[in-house]
Amino acid sequence: MKTVEDIVWSNVRALAVSMAILTGGSSSELPLNNTELAAELYDDYLQTELLGAAGLECYGGVATTLLELEGNDSQVASTLSYDIIRRIQIALKANHAKKHSEIITGSTKVGTVPVNASWFAYCGSSSTVELEKLKDDFDERAYTPARMYAAAGNLAKNEVGAVHSTRFIEAERMMHFDGAGKKMATNAGGYATTDLTAAQSTDRGQTGGAGEYFDGFPIIWVTKSAFATIGLQGNKKIKFLSKKPGMATQEDPHGLMGLYSFNFFAGSIALEPEKIARLVHVSTSAGSCA
């Protein structure tokens, strides 16, 4: 059983979540699993808020909205590019967004390279693969793997690399927009798609009916002091309640079922949306393996 109350006050959003789970037996792993589940729900909430809080929205290729994400042959594919990352950085700088890190000057160790003072951006594994392919204006590799500057600087958790003045953190549970782009006709580029029913396509604002639509993969720049979580009454910690199996009832005559539940409160506020950027692109790296 799950209940969610979502309250919106201007740019302040709050969420109350509670979940109860029927359990069988007395597994010692249950509390750990549900602690992780509660943390994942909280992370998902924050990620959803960040995706919607961006004051700067950019898209790969010539797309200007999610519905225009393109991957069809003979069209300009909405792929990730070096130029669009540079445009986002220029926009963030114009909005006086503060960077997270100082310049990494390199070290005397062989194979290490310097990295600009940078903002951090969050991406999924599909975006990481596309980042690795990027080339700059001089047809040189634009992406610097984290291993090449790790010895000279402090890496963020799950940091994978840098492009110009952005260092990228790969989020294991990064969301994406499935079937949010244009309807697929021909897809020699192998860009990821989702097969939608007519009802699902309508829910996403599509007008093409049932079929395969291109997926969108986001990258989020969250700069210093642009976004914050807020305290709510009762949010001191995630509260857990457990009831062990053993009590016989009419529904459970042998007392084999127990109950494990938790609840928590979460809130967020976009302090300076113009300093949060979201880039959405198509990707070829999200296919399934046979």
C-alpha atoms as a PDB file:
ATOM      1  CA  MET A   1       0.000   0.000   0.000  1.00  0.00           C
ATOM      2  CA  LYS A   2       1.430   3.377  -0.977  1.00  0.00           C
ATOM      3  CA  THR A   3       0.037   6.867  -0.471  1.00  0.00           C
ATOM      4  CA  VAL A   4       1.518  10.079  -1.807  1.00  0.00           C
ATOM      5  CA  GLU A   5       0.440  13.640  -1.115  1.00  0.00           C
ATOM      6  CA  ASP A   6       1.962  16.230  -3.393  1.00  0.00           C
ATOM      7  CA  ILE A   7       1.618  19.880  -2.368  1.00  0.00           C
ATOM      8  CA  VAL A   8       2.815  22.821  -4.449  1.00  0.00           C
ATOM      9  CA  TRP A   9       3.477  26.326  -3.164  1.00  0.00           C
ATOM     10  CA  SER A  10       4.902  28.524  -5.951  1.00  0.00           C
ATOM     11  CA  ASN A  11       8.382  27.080  -6.567  1.00  0.00           C
ATOM     12  CA  VAL A  12       8.397  25.199  -3.250  1.00  0.00           C
ATOM     13  CA  ARG A  13       7.354  21.561  -3.459  1.00  0.00           C
ATOM     14  CA  ALA A  14       6.785  19.075  -0.660  1.00  0.00           C
ATOM     15  CA  LEU A  15       6.145  15.354  -0.592  1.00  0.00           C
ATOM     16  CA  ALA A  16       4.909  12.951   2.062  1.00  0.00           C
ATOM     17  CA  VAL A  17       5.432   9.243   1.373  1.00  0.00           C
ATOM     18  CA  SER A  18       4.382   6.194   3.324  1.00  0.00           C
ATOM     19  CA  MET A  19       4.625   2.542   2.351  1.00  0.00           C
ATOM     20  CA  ALA A  20       3.560  -0.680   4.020  1.00  0.00           C
ATOM     21  CA  ILE A  21       4.807  -4.097   2.887  1.00  0.00           C
ATOM     22  CA  LEU A  22       3.457  -7.496   3.885  1.00  0.00           C
ATOM     23  CA  THR A  23       6.268  -9.895   4.655  1.00  0.00           C
ATOM     24  CA  GLY A  24       6.584 -13.628   5.045  1.00  0.00           C
ATOM     25  CA  GLY A  25       9.092 -15.343   7.313  1.00  0.00           C
ATOM     26  CA  SER A  26      11.701 -13.439   9.306  1.00  0.00           C
ATOM     27  CA  SER A  27      14.350 -12.445   6.758  1.00  0.00           C
ATOM     28  CA  SER A  28      17.117 -10.348   8.309  1.00  0.00           C
ATOM     29  CA  GLU A  29      17.649  -8.674   4.938  1.00  0.00           C
ATOM     30  CA  LEU A  30      14.228  -7.032   4.933  1.00  0.00           C
ATOM     31  CA  PRO A  31      15.099  -3.902   6.951  1.00  0.00           C
ATOM     32  CA  LEU A  32      18.183  -3.279   4.798  1.00  0.00           C
ATOM     33  CA  ASN A  33      16.244  -3.726   1.572  1.00  0.00           C
ATOM     34  CA  ASN A  34      13.526  -1.348   2.674  1.00  0.00           C
ATOM     35  CA  THR A  35      16.024   1.206   3.934  1.00  0.00           C
ATOM     36  CA  GLU A  36      17.513   1.174   0.454  1.00  0.00           C
ATOM     37  CA  LEU A  37      14.023   1.415  -1.065  1.00  0.00           C
ATOM     38  CA  ALA A  38      13.216   4.479   1.039  1.00  0.00           C
ATOM     39  CA  ALA A  39      16.487   6.121   0.008  1.00  0.00           C
ATOM     40  CA  GLU A  40      15.795   5.318  -3.648  1.00  0.00           C
ATOM     41  CA  LEU A  41      12.305   6.836  -3.436  1.00  0.00           C
ATOM     42  CA  TYR A  42      13.785   9.995  -1.945  1.00  0.00           C
ATOM     43  CA  ASP A  43      16.464  10.149  -4.657  1.00  0.00           C
ATOM     44  CA  ASP A  44      13.832   9.657  -7.354  1.00  0.00           C
ATOM     45  CA  TYR A  45      11.768  12.472  -5.881  1.00  0.00           C
ATOM     46  CA  LEU A  46      14.718  14.871  -5.917  1.00  0.00           C
ATOM     47  CA  GLN A  47      15.666  13.876  -9.458  1.00  0.00           C
ATOM     48  CA  THR A  48      12.116  14.476 -10.690  1.00  0.00           C
ATOM     49  CA  GLU A  49      12.138  17.894  -9.059  1.00  0.00           C
ATOM     50  CA  LEU A  50      15.488  18.798 -10.613  1.00  0.00           C
ATOM     51  CA  LEU A  51      14.329  17.743 -14.073  1.00  0.00           C
ATOM     52  CA  GLY A  52      11.359  20.073 -13.751  1.00  0.00           C
ATOM     53  CA  ALA A  53      13.178  22.941 -12.054  1.00  0.00           C
ATOM     54  CA  ALA A  54      15.633  23.783 -14.830  1.00  0.00           C
ATOM     55  CA  GLY A  55      15.348  27.361 -16.039  1.00  0.00           C
ATOM     56  CA  LEU A  56      17.638  26.567 -18.970  1.00  0.00           C
ATOM     57  CA  GLU A  57      16.339  23.863 -21.312  1.00  0.00           C
ATOM     58  CA  CYS A  58      18.345  22.658 -24.302  1.00  0.00           C
ATOM     59  CA  TYR A  59      17.918  19.803 -26.744  1.00  0.00           C
ATOM     60  CA  GLY A  60      20.204  17.957 -29.121  1.00  0.00           C
ATOM     61  CA  GLY A  61      20.289  18.830 -32.825  1.00  0.00           C
ATOM     62  CA  VAL A  62      17.684  21.420 -33.841  1.00  0.00           C
ATOM     63  CA  ALA A  63      14.950  20.257 -31.428  1.00  0.00           C
ATOM     64  CA  THR A  64      13.394  22.869 -29.154  1.00  0.00           C
ATOM     65  CA  THR A  65      11.038  20.602 -27.153  1.00  0.00           C
ATOM     66  CA  LEU A  66      10.849  16.968 -26.073  1.00  0.00           C
ATOM     67  CA  LEU A  67       8.270  16.283 -28.790  1.00  0.00           C
ATOM     68  CA  GLU A  68      10.810  17.367 -31.436  1.00  0.00           C
ATOM     69  CA  LEU A  69      13.567  14.920 -30.456  1.00  0.00           C
ATOM     70  CA  GLU A  70      14.619  13.399 -33.762  1.00  0.00           C
ATOM     71  CA  GLY A  71      16.408  10.257 -34.869  1.00  0.00           C
ATOM     72  CA  ASN A  72      14.894   9.509 -38.269  1.00  0.00           C
ATOM     73  CA  ASP A  73      17.162   9.117 -41.286  1.00  0.00           C
ATOM     74  CA  SER A  74      17.616  12.211 -43.511  1.00  0.00           C
ATOM     75  CA  GLN A  75      16.738  14.424 -40.531  1.00  0.00           C
ATOM     76  CA  VAL A  76      19.050  16.278 -38.120  1.00  0.00           C
ATOM     77  CA  ALA A  77      19.426  13.841 -35.240  1.00  0.00           C
ATOM     78  CA  SER A  78      19.013  15.280 -31.732  1.00  0.00           C
ATOM     79  CA  THR A  79      22.383  13.955 -30.633  1.00  0.00           C
ATOM     80  CA  LEU A  80      24.728  15.239 -27.967  1.00  0.00           C
ATOM     81  CA  SER A  81      27.379  17.654 -29.242  1.00  0.00           C
ATOM     82  CA  TYR A  82      30.343  19.638 -27.963  1.00  0.00           C
ATOM     83  CA  ASP A  83      28.799  22.911 -29.171  1.00  0.00           C
ATOM     84  CA  ILE A  84      25.605  22.514 -27.176  1.00  0.00           C
ATOM     85  CA  ILE A  85      27.549  21.778 -23.984  1.00  0.00           C
ATOM     86  CA  ARG A  86      29.545  24.953 -24.611  1.00  0.00           C
ATOM     87  CA  ARG A  87      26.324  26.929 -25.157  1.00  0.00           C
ATOM     88  CA  ILE A  88      24.964  25.720 -21.826  1.00  0.00           C
ATOM     89  CA  GLN A  89      28.202  26.713 -20.095  1.00  0.00           C
ATOM     90  CA  ILE A  90      28.038  30.184 -21.693  1.00  0.00           C
ATOM     91  CA  ALA A  91      24.422  30.573 -20.521  1.00  0.00           C
ATOM     92  CA  LEU A  92      25.310  29.475 -16.972  1.00  0.00           C
ATOM     93  CA  LYS A  93      28.189  31.935 -16.889  1.00  0.00           C
ATOM     94  CA  ALA A  94      25.922  34.735 -18.137  1.00  0.00           C
ATOM     95  CA  ASN A  95      23.536  33.910 -15.288  1.00  0.00           C
ATOM     96  CA  HIS A  96      26.431  34.117 -12.770  1.00  0.00           C
ATOM     97  CA  ALA A  97      26.199  30.429 -11.837  1.00  0.00           C
ATOM     98  CA  LYS A  98      28.993  29.450  -9.450  1.00  0.00           C
ATOM     99  CA  LYS A  99      31.291  26.565 -10.335  1.00  0.00           C
ATOM    100  CA  HIS A 100      31.808  23.639  -7.999  1.00  0.00           C
ATOM    101  CA  SER A 101      35.516  23.022  -8.467  1.00  0.00           C
ATOM    102  CA  GLU A 102      38.755  24.893  -8.982  1.00  0.00           C
ATOM    103  CA  ILE A 103      41.092  24.228 -11.884  1.00  0.00           C
ATOM    104  CA  ILE A 104      43.007  20.934 -11.741  1.00  0.00           C
ATOM    105  CA  THR A 105      46.539  21.772 -12.816  1.00  0.00           C
ATOM    106  CA  GLY A 106      47.711  18.231 -13.420  1.00  0.00           C
ATOM    107  CA  SER A 107      50.621  16.434 -11.782  1.00  0.00           C
ATOM    108  CA  THR A 108      54.060  15.068 -12.547  1.00  0.00           C
ATOM    109  CA  LYS A 109      52.621  11.584 -13.056  1.00  0.00           C
ATOM    110  CA  VAL A 110      52.613  10.298 -16.618  1.00  0.00           C
ATOM    111  CA  GLY A 111      49.257  10.493 -18.363  1.00  0.00           C
ATOM    112  CA  THR A 112      47.627  13.150 -16.153  1.00  0.00           C
ATOM    113  CA  VAL A 113      46.004  16.216 -17.693  1.00  0.00           C
ATOM    114  CA  PRO A 114      44.708  19.577 -16.407  1.00  0.00           C
ATOM    115  CA  VAL A 115      40.949  20.277 -16.217  1.00  0.00           C
ATOM    116  CA  ASN A 116      39.173  23.647 -16.166  1.00  0.00           C
ATOM    117  CA  ALA A 117      37.377  24.966 -13.117  1.00  0.00           C
ATOM    118  CA  SER A 118      34.045  23.262 -13.602  1.00  0.00           C
ATOM    119  CA  TRP A 119      30.379  22.826 -12.888  1.00  0.00           C
ATOM    120  CA  PHE A 120      29.074  19.353 -12.053  1.00  0.00           C
ATOM    121  CA  ALA A 121      26.401  17.736 -14.219  1.00  0.00           C
ATOM    122  CA  TYR A 122      24.477  14.506 -13.634  1.00  0.00           C
ATOM    123  CA  CYS A 123      23.861  12.015 -16.415  1.00  0.00           C
ATOM    124  CA  GLY A 124      23.000   8.387 -17.070  1.00  0.00           C
ATOM    125  CA  SER A 125      25.158   5.671 -18.582  1.00  0.00           C
ATOM    126  CA  SER A 126      23.626   6.244 -22.032  1.00  0.00           C
ATOM    127  CA  SER A 127      24.803   9.855 -21.927  1.00  0.00           C
ATOM    128  CA  THR A 128      28.275   8.788 -20.783  1.00  0.00           C
ATOM    129  CA  VAL A 129      28.691   6.667 -23.899  1.00  0.00           C
ATOM    130  CA  GLU A 130      27.717   9.638 -26.071  1.00  0.00           C
ATOM    131  CA  LEU A 131      30.092  11.937 -24.164  1.00  0.00           C
ATOM    132  CA  GLU A 132      32.977   9.599 -24.919  1.00  0.00           C
ATOM    133  CA  LYS A 133      32.406  10.113 -28.659  1.00  0.00           C
ATOM    134  CA  LEU A 134      32.547  13.927 -28.603  1.00  0.00           C
ATOM    135  CA  LYS A 135      35.104  15.933 -30.561  1.00  0.00           C
ATOM    136  CA  ASP A 136      35.874  19.632 -30.171  1.00  0.00           C
ATOM    137  CA  ASP A 137      36.108  22.371 -32.819  1.00  0.00           C
ATOM    138  CA  PHE A 138      39.620  21.186 -33.755  1.00  0.00           C
ATOM    139  CA  ASP A 139      38.480  17.607 -34.316  1.00  0.00           C
ATOM    140  CA  GLU A 140      40.265  16.511 -31.149  1.00  0.00           C
ATOM    141  CA  ARG A 141      38.724  14.320 -28.483  1.00  0.00           C
ATOM    142  CA  ALA A 142      36.646  16.615 -26.235  1.00  0.00           C
ATOM    143  CA  TYR A 143      36.044  14.136 -23.405  1.00  0.00           C
ATOM    144  CA  THR A 144      38.637  13.615 -20.677  1.00  0.00           C
ATOM    145  CA  PRO A 145      38.117  10.407 -18.624  1.00  0.00           C
ATOM    146  CA  ALA A 146      38.233  10.888 -14.860  1.00  0.00           C
ATOM    147  CA  ARG A 147      41.191   8.505 -14.584  1.00  0.00           C
ATOM    148  CA  MET A 148      43.360  11.076 -16.401  1.00  0.00           C
ATOM    149  CA  TYR A 149      42.996  13.738 -13.701  1.00  0.00           C
ATOM    150  CA  ALA A 150      42.180  11.636 -10.634  1.00  0.00           C
ATOM    151  CA  ALA A 151      45.740  11.829  -9.270  1.00  0.00           C
ATOM    152  CA  ALA A 152      45.754  15.639  -9.244  1.00  0.00           C
ATOM    153  CA  GLY A 153      42.227  16.400  -8.022  1.00  0.00           C
ATOM    154  CA  ASN A 154      39.462  15.121  -5.781  1.00  0.00           C
ATOM    155  CA  LEU A 155      36.868  13.188  -7.736  1.00  0.00           C
ATOM    156  CA  ALA A 156      33.184  13.319  -6.877  1.00  0.00           C
ATOM    157  CA  LYS A 157      31.473   9.997  -6.223  1.00  0.00           C
ATOM    158  CA  ASN A 158      30.709   8.276  -9.539  1.00  0.00           C
ATOM    159  CA  GLU A 159      32.472  10.991 -11.534  1.00  0.00           C
ATOM    160  CA  VAL A 160      33.288   9.661 -14.999  1.00  0.00           C
ATOM    161  CA  GLY A 161      34.937  12.495 -16.910  1.00  0.00           C
ATOM    162  CA  ALA A 162      34.951  16.101 -18.086  1.00  0.00           C
ATOM    163  CA  VAL A 163      34.188  18.144 -21.194  1.00  0.00           C
ATOM    164  CA  HIS A 164      35.575  21.697 -21.220  1.00  0.00           C
ATOM    165  CA  SER A 165      34.212  23.258 -17.980  1.00  0.00           C
ATOM    166  CA  THR A 166      31.803  20.492 -16.961  1.00  0.00           C
ATOM    167  CA  ARG A 167      32.609  17.416 -14.920  1.00  0.00           C
ATOM    168  CA  PHE A 168      30.072  14.617 -15.270  1.00  0.00           C
ATOM    169  CA  ILE A 169      28.694  12.369 -12.526  1.00  0.00           C
ATOM    170  CA  GLU A 170      27.008   9.167 -13.672  1.00  0.00           C
ATOM    171  CA  ALA A 171      23.844   8.483 -11.666  1.00  0.00           C
ATOM    172  CA  GLU A 172      22.937   4.803 -11.468  1.00  0.00           C
ATOM    173  CA  ARG A 173      19.192   5.544 -11.310  1.00  0.00           C
ATOM    174  CA  MET A 174      19.124   8.364 -13.850  1.00  0.00           C
ATOM    175  CA  MET A 175      15.683   8.748 -15.371  1.00  0.00           C
ATOM    176  CA  HIS A 176      14.945   9.252 -19.036  1.00  0.00           C
ATOM    177  CA  PHE A 177      11.988  10.292 -21.171  1.00  0.00           C
ATOM    178  CA  ASP A 178      10.777   7.105 -22.829  1.00  0.00           C
ATOM    179  CA  GLY A 179       8.969   7.652 -26.112  1.00  0.00           C
ATOM    180  CA  ALA A 180       8.966  11.425 -25.696  1.00  0.00           C
ATOM    181  CA  GLY A 181      10.318  12.359 -29.137  1.00  0.00           C
ATOM    182  CA  LYS A 182       9.114  12.050 -32.711  1.00  0.00           C
ATOM    183  CA  LYS A 183       7.652   8.892 -34.160  1.00  0.00           C
ATOM    184  CA  MET A 184      10.185   6.578 -35.748  1.00  0.00           C
ATOM    185  CA  ALA A 185       9.961   5.957 -39.484  1.00  0.00           C
ATOM    186  CA  THR A 186      13.490   4.881 -40.405  1.00  0.00           C
ATOM    187  CA  ASN A 187      16.209   4.462 -37.808  1.00  0.00           C
ATOM    188  CA  ALA A 188      19.475   3.407 -39.393  1.00  0.00           C
ATOM    189  CA  GLY A 189      21.305   5.305 -36.637  1.00  0.00           C
ATOM    190  CA  GLY A 190      20.000   2.828 -34.084  1.00  0.00           C
ATOM    191  CA  TYR A 191      18.695   5.441 -31.644  1.00  0.00           C
ATOM    192  CA  ALA A 192      16.754   4.159 -28.633  1.00  0.00           C
ATOM    193  CA  THR A 193      12.966   4.074 -29.001  1.00  0.00           C
ATOM    194  CA  THR A 194       9.940   2.967 -26.980  1.00  0.00           C
ATOM    195  CA  ASP A 195       6.912   1.227 -28.446  1.00  0.00           C
ATOM    196  CA  LEU A 196       3.797   3.131 -27.314  1.00  0.00           C
ATOM    197  CA  THR A 197       0.113   2.344 -27.519  1.00  0.00           C
ATOM    198  CA  ALA A 198      -2.248   4.980 -28.882  1.00  0.00           C
ATOM    199  CA  ALA A 199      -3.266   5.926 -25.328  1.00  0.00           C
ATOM    200  CA  GLN A 200       0.334   6.225 -24.164  1.00  0.00           C
ATOM    201  CA  SER A 201       1.279   8.403 -27.121  1.00  0.00           C
ATOM    202  CA  THR A 202      -1.686  10.681 -26.407  1.00  0.00           C
ATOM    203  CA  ASP A 203      -0.641  10.977 -22.747  1.00  0.00           C
ATOM    204  CA  ARG A 204       2.784  12.191 -23.911  1.00  0.00           C
ATOM    205  CA  GLY A 205       1.276  14.788 -26.217  1.00  0.00           C
ATOM    206  CA  GLN A 206       2.032  12.804 -29.372  1.00  0.00           C
ATOM    207  CA  THR A 207      -0.304  12.936 -32.354  1.00  0.00           C
ATOM    208  CA  GLY A 208       1.015   9.982 -34.373  1.00  0.00           C
ATOM    209  CA  GLY A 209      -0.927   7.222 -32.632  1.00  0.00           C
ATOM    210  CA  ALA A 210       0.559   3.860 -31.716  1.00  0.00           C
ATOM    211  CA  GLY A 211       4.143   3.143 -32.757  1.00  0.00           C
ATOM    212  CA  GLU A 212       7.779   3.590 -31.775  1.00  0.00           C
ATOM    213  CA  TYR A 213       8.932   6.986 -30.553  1.00  0.00           C
ATOM    214  CA  PHE A 214      12.450   8.200 -29.809  1.00  0.00           C
ATOM    215  CA  ASP A 215      13.607   8.300 -26.189  1.00  0.00           C
ATOM    216  CA  GLY A 216      15.197  11.352 -24.585  1.00  0.00           C
ATOM    217  CA  PHE A 217      18.171  11.141 -22.204  1.00  0.00           C
ATOM    218  CA  PRO A 218      18.727  14.102 -19.862  1.00  0.00           C
ATOM    219  CA  ILE A 219      21.846  15.703 -18.418  1.00  0.00           C
ATOM    220  CA  ILE A 220      21.298  18.090 -15.493  1.00  0.00           C
ATOM    221  CA  TRP A 221      23.582  20.937 -14.381  1.00  0.00           C
ATOM    222  CA  VAL A 222      22.856  21.931 -10.761  1.00  0.00           C
ATOM    223  CA  THR A 223      25.102  24.825  -9.756  1.00  0.00           C
ATOM    224  CA  LYS A 224      25.954  26.139  -6.308  1.00  0.00           C
ATOM    225  CA  SER A 225      23.038  27.548  -4.293  1.00  0.00           C
ATOM    226  CA  ALA A 226      20.560  27.052  -7.160  1.00  0.00           C
ATOM    227  CA  PHE A 227      18.522  24.243  -5.573  1.00  0.00           C
ATOM    228  CA  ALA A 228      17.903  23.162  -2.008  1.00  0.00           C
ATOM    229  CA  THR A 229      15.973  20.677   0.062  1.00  0.00           C
ATOM    230  CA  ILE A 230      13.865  22.151   2.843  1.00  0.00           C
ATOM    231  CA  GLY A 231      12.995  20.895   6.304  1.00  0.00           C
ATOM    232  CA  LEU A 232       9.426  19.818   7.062  1.00  0.00           C
ATOM    233  CA  GLN A 233       7.877  18.954  10.387  1.00  0.00           C
ATOM    234  CA  GLY A 234       8.522  15.273  11.064  1.00  0.00           C
ATOM    235  CA  ASN A 235      11.383  14.868   8.602  1.00  0.00           C
ATOM    236  CA  LYS A 236      14.124  14.218  11.143  1.00  0.00           C
ATOM    237  CA  LYS A 237      14.610  10.738   9.759  1.00  0.00           C
ATOM    238  CA  ILE A 238      12.941   7.945   7.854  1.00  0.00           C
ATOM    239  CA  LYS A 239      10.641   6.246  10.354  1.00  0.00           C
ATOM    240  CA  PHE A 240      10.337   2.461  10.260  1.00  0.00           C
ATOM    241  CA  LEU A 241       7.797   0.183  11.916  1.00  0.00           C
ATOM    242  CA  SER A 242       7.947  -3.597  11.898  1.00  0.00           C
ATOM    243  CA  LYS A 243       5.552  -6.281  13.069  1.00  0.00           C
ATOM    244  CA  LYS A 244       6.984  -9.790  13.197  1.00  0.00           C
ATOM    245  CA  PRO A 245       5.089 -12.836  11.938  1.00  0.00           C
ATOM    246  CA  GLY A 246       3.500 -14.960  14.639  1.00  0.00           C
ATOM    247  CA  MET A 247       0.002 -13.593  15.297  1.00  0.00           C
ATOM    248  CA  ALA A 248      -2.743 -15.825  13.878  1.00  0.00           C
ATOM    249  CA  THR A 249      -5.687 -14.097  12.254  1.00  0.00           C
ATOM    250  CA  GLN A 250      -8.614 -15.218  10.136  1.00  0.00           C
ATOM    251  CA  GLU A 251      -6.771 -14.093   7.006  1.00  0.00           C
ATOM    252  CA  ASP A 252      -3.468 -15.625   8.207  1.00  0.00           C
ATOM    253  CA  PRO A 253      -4.416 -18.576  10.441  1.00  0.00           C
ATOM    254  CA  HIS A 254      -0.815 -19.778  10.872  1.00  0.00           C
ATOM    255  CA  GLY A 255       0.650 -16.348  11.635  1.00  0.00           C
ATOM    256  CA  LEU A 256       3.117 -16.455   8.770  1.00  0.00           C
ATOM    257  CA  MET A 257       2.721 -12.860   7.640  1.00  0.00           C
ATOM    258  CA  GLY A 258       4.314  -9.793   9.167  1.00  0.00           C
ATOM    259  CA  LEU A 259       4.275  -6.102   8.373  1.00  0.00           C
ATOM    260  CA  TYR A 260       7.101  -3.692   7.642  1.00  0.00           C
ATOM    261  CA  SER A 261       6.446  -0.026   6.909  1.00  0.00           C
ATOM    262  CA  PHE A 262       8.202   3.318   6.644  1.00  0.00           C
ATOM    263  CA  ASN A 263       7.377   6.951   6.011  1.00  0.00           C
ATOM    264  CA  PHE A 264       9.336  10.108   5.385  1.00  0.00           C
ATOM    265  CA  PHE A 265       8.847  13.729   4.368  1.00  0.00           C
ATOM    266  CA  ALA A 266      10.746  15.596   1.684  1.00  0.00           C
ATOM    267  CA  GLY A 267      10.696  19.119   0.321  1.00  0.00           C
ATOM    268  CA  SER A 268      12.640  21.112  -2.257  1.00  0.00           C
ATOM    269  CA  ILE A 269      12.881  24.620  -3.617  1.00  0.00           C
ATOM    270  CA  ALA A 270      14.411  26.030  -6.801  1.00  0.00           C
ATOM    271  CA  LEU A 271      16.201  29.090  -5.440  1.00  0.00           C
ATOM    272  CA  GLU A 272      17.648  30.225  -8.770  1.00  0.00           C
ATOM    273  CA  PRO A 273      16.135  28.218 -11.670  1.00  0.00           C
ATOM    274  CA  GLU A 274      18.169  30.179 -14.205  1.00  0.00           C
ATOM    275  CA  LYS A 275      21.260  28.489 -12.775  1.00  0.00           C
ATOM    276  CA  ILE A 276      19.909  24.967 -13.367  1.00  0.00           C
ATOM    277  CA  ALA A 277      20.227  23.551 -16.891  1.00  0.00           C
ATOM    278  CA  ARG A 278      18.719  20.489 -18.558  1.00  0.00           C
ATOM    279  CA  LEU A 279      19.981  19.026 -21.828  1.00  0.00           C
ATOM    280  CA  VAL A 280      18.022  16.194 -23.489  1.00  0.00           C
ATOM    281  CA  HIS A 281      19.397  14.145 -26.383  1.00  0.00           C
ATOM    282  CA  VAL A 282      18.854  10.856 -28.205  1.00  0.00           C
ATOM    283  CA  SER A 283      21.265   7.977 -27.745  1.00  0.00           C
ATOM    284  CA  THR A 284      22.368   4.840 -29.540  1.00  0.00           C
ATOM    285  CA  SER A 285      23.655   3.145 -26.378  1.00  0.00           C
ATOM    286  CA  ALA A 286      20.398   2.090 -24.719  1.00  0.00           C
ATOM    287  CA  GLY A 287      19.612  -0.987 -26.820  1.00  0.00           C
ATOM    288  CA  SER A 288      19.141  -4.438 -25.355  1.00  0.00           C
ATOM    289  CA  CYS A 289      21.679  -7.242 -25.666  1.00  0.00           C
ATOM    290  CA  ALA A 290      20.605 -10.587 -27.094  1.00  0.00           C
END
